[in-house]
Amino acid sequence: MATVNAGDFIKLLPLVKQSPGSSLNTSYDAAADVLYVSFGAPREADDSELTDEDVIVRYVGSEIIGYTILHASKREQPQEIGS
């Protein structure tokens, strides 16, 4: 499993959501302050990795299937494209 810089992926989420044909599912748990992001339909991971940025990267095999973003409301908002 490769180490990823989750911050780079989080900044790409608005782009993925705007891409034609992409399937991005999100849900937010306000009580836990956790944002769940799944690429495609949510499914169970067979492995995961906690990054230094408190993001859990979820895998099936070597494919990243989503992220669990801890302390979501405390994070810097991504800049708009072209800003």
C-alpha atoms as a PDB file:
ATOM      1  CA  MET A   1       0.000   0.000   0.000  1.00  0.00           C
ATOM      2  CA  ALA A   2       1.388   3.386  -0.998  1.00  0.00           C
ATOM      3  CA  THR A   3       1.470   6.309   1.390  1.00  0.00           C
ATOM      4  CA  VAL A   4      -0.696   9.150   0.130  1.00  0.00           C
ATOM      5  CA  ASN A   5      -0.858  12.826   0.931  1.00  0.00           C
ATOM      6  CA  ALA A   6      -4.533  13.037   1.841  1.00  0.00           C
ATOM      7  CA  GLY A   7      -4.525  16.840   1.759  1.00  0.00           C
ATOM      8  CA  ASP A   8      -3.897  16.723  -1.989  1.00  0.00           C
ATOM      9  CA  PHE A   9      -6.849  14.385  -2.485  1.00  0.00           C
ATOM     10  CA  ILE A  10      -9.174  16.466  -0.323  1.00  0.00           C
ATOM     11  CA  LYS A  11      -8.457  19.508  -2.498  1.00  0.00           C
ATOM     12  CA  LEU A  12      -9.468  17.462  -5.566  1.00  0.00           C
ATOM     13  CA  LEU A  13     -12.906  16.487  -4.219  1.00  0.00           C
ATOM     14  CA  PRO A  14     -14.725  19.487  -5.760  1.00  0.00           C
ATOM     15  CA  LEU A  15     -13.208  18.599  -9.149  1.00  0.00           C
ATOM     16  CA  VAL A  16     -14.237  14.950  -8.876  1.00  0.00           C
ATOM     17  CA  LYS A  17     -17.773  15.926  -7.984  1.00  0.00           C
ATOM     18  CA  GLN A  18     -17.973  18.125 -11.108  1.00  0.00           C
ATOM     19  CA  SER A  19     -16.535  15.493 -13.474  1.00  0.00           C
ATOM     20  CA  PRO A  20     -19.092  14.020 -15.907  1.00  0.00           C
ATOM     21  CA  GLY A  21     -19.880  10.372 -15.181  1.00  0.00           C
ATOM     22  CA  SER A  22     -18.174  10.403 -11.791  1.00  0.00           C
ATOM     23  CA  SER A  23     -19.945   9.033  -8.778  1.00  0.00           C
ATOM     24  CA  LEU A  24     -19.032  10.682  -5.513  1.00  0.00           C
ATOM     25  CA  ASN A  25     -21.055  10.011  -2.387  1.00  0.00           C
ATOM     26  CA  THR A  26     -20.620  12.034   0.775  1.00  0.00           C
ATOM     27  CA  SER A  27     -22.221  12.055   4.181  1.00  0.00           C
ATOM     28  CA  TYR A  28     -21.442  14.084   7.281  1.00  0.00           C
ATOM     29  CA  ASP A  29     -21.835  13.055  10.920  1.00  0.00           C
ATOM     30  CA  ALA A  30     -22.114  16.345  12.821  1.00  0.00           C
ATOM     31  CA  ALA A  31     -21.923  14.736  16.266  1.00  0.00           C
ATOM     32  CA  ALA A  32     -18.586  13.087  15.422  1.00  0.00           C
ATOM     33  CA  ASP A  33     -17.477  15.881  13.016  1.00  0.00           C
ATOM     34  CA  VAL A  34     -16.603  13.265  10.394  1.00  0.00           C
ATOM     35  CA  LEU A  35     -17.038  13.529   6.631  1.00  0.00           C
ATOM     36  CA  TYR A  36     -17.350  10.262   4.720  1.00  0.00           C
ATOM     37  CA  VAL A  37     -16.423  10.297   1.022  1.00  0.00           C
ATOM     38  CA  SER A  38     -16.926   7.278  -1.231  1.00  0.00           C
ATOM     39  CA  PHE A  39     -15.972   6.927  -4.873  1.00  0.00           C
ATOM     40  CA  GLY A  40     -18.875   5.015  -6.382  1.00  0.00           C
ATOM     41  CA  ALA A  41     -21.443   3.371  -4.153  1.00  0.00           C
ATOM     42  CA  PRO A  42     -20.318   3.110  -0.520  1.00  0.00           C
ATOM     43  CA  ARG A  43     -18.785  -0.307   0.163  1.00  0.00           C
ATOM     44  CA  GLU A  44     -16.797  -2.048   2.833  1.00  0.00           C
ATOM     45  CA  ALA A  45     -13.026  -1.620   2.711  1.00  0.00           C
ATOM     46  CA  ASP A  46     -10.633  -4.500   3.220  1.00  0.00           C
ATOM     47  CA  ASP A  47      -7.810  -2.202   4.362  1.00  0.00           C
ATOM     48  CA  SER A  48      -7.308   1.364   5.541  1.00  0.00           C
ATOM     49  CA  GLU A  49      -4.559   3.801   6.414  1.00  0.00           C
ATOM     50  CA  LEU A  50      -4.639   6.731   8.856  1.00  0.00           C
ATOM     51  CA  THR A  51      -2.609   9.663   7.530  1.00  0.00           C
ATOM     52  CA  ASP A  52      -0.822  12.360   9.514  1.00  0.00           C
ATOM     53  CA  GLU A  53      -3.675  14.718   8.493  1.00  0.00           C
ATOM     54  CA  ASP A  54      -6.289  12.591  10.374  1.00  0.00           C
ATOM     55  CA  VAL A  55      -7.769  11.213   7.169  1.00  0.00           C
ATOM     56  CA  ILE A  56      -8.504   7.523   6.862  1.00  0.00           C
ATOM     57  CA  VAL A  57      -7.886   6.299   3.315  1.00  0.00           C
ATOM     58  CA  ARG A  58     -10.050   3.241   2.576  1.00  0.00           C
ATOM     59  CA  TYR A  59      -8.983   0.536   0.124  1.00  0.00           C
ATOM     60  CA  VAL A  60     -10.265  -2.563  -1.619  1.00  0.00           C
ATOM     61  CA  GLY A  61      -7.087  -4.226  -2.780  1.00  0.00           C
ATOM     62  CA  SER A  62      -4.917  -1.414  -4.106  1.00  0.00           C
ATOM     63  CA  GLU A  63      -7.908   0.736  -5.184  1.00  0.00           C
ATOM     64  CA  ILE A  64      -8.789   3.775  -3.074  1.00  0.00           C
ATOM     65  CA  ILE A  65     -12.548   3.597  -2.564  1.00  0.00           C
ATOM     66  CA  GLY A  66     -12.955   6.557  -0.241  1.00  0.00           C
ATOM     67  CA  TYR A  67     -11.857   8.728   2.648  1.00  0.00           C
ATOM     68  CA  THR A  68     -13.030   9.272   6.184  1.00  0.00           C
ATOM     69  CA  ILE A  69     -12.100  12.833   7.125  1.00  0.00           C
ATOM     70  CA  LEU A  70     -11.854  13.408  10.870  1.00  0.00           C
ATOM     71  CA  HIS A  71     -12.384  16.895  12.376  1.00  0.00           C
ATOM     72  CA  ALA A  72     -14.006  17.929   9.085  1.00  0.00           C
ATOM     73  CA  SER A  73     -15.405  21.280  10.223  1.00  0.00           C
ATOM     74  CA  LYS A  74     -11.980  22.425  11.413  1.00  0.00           C
ATOM     75  CA  ARG A  75     -10.351  22.070   7.989  1.00  0.00           C
ATOM     76  CA  GLU A  76      -9.478  24.804   5.542  1.00  0.00           C
ATOM     77  CA  GLN A  77     -12.025  25.123   2.750  1.00  0.00           C
ATOM     78  CA  PRO A  78     -10.721  24.334  -0.759  1.00  0.00           C
ATOM     79  CA  GLN A  79     -10.228  27.276  -3.077  1.00  0.00           C
ATOM     80  CA  GLU A  80     -12.537  27.657  -6.078  1.00  0.00           C
ATOM     81  CA  ILE A  81     -11.085  26.655  -9.419  1.00  0.00           C
ATOM     82  CA  GLY A  82      -9.401  29.649 -11.032  1.00  0.00           C
ATOM     83  CA  SER A  83      -9.018  31.544  -7.737  1.00  0.00           C
END
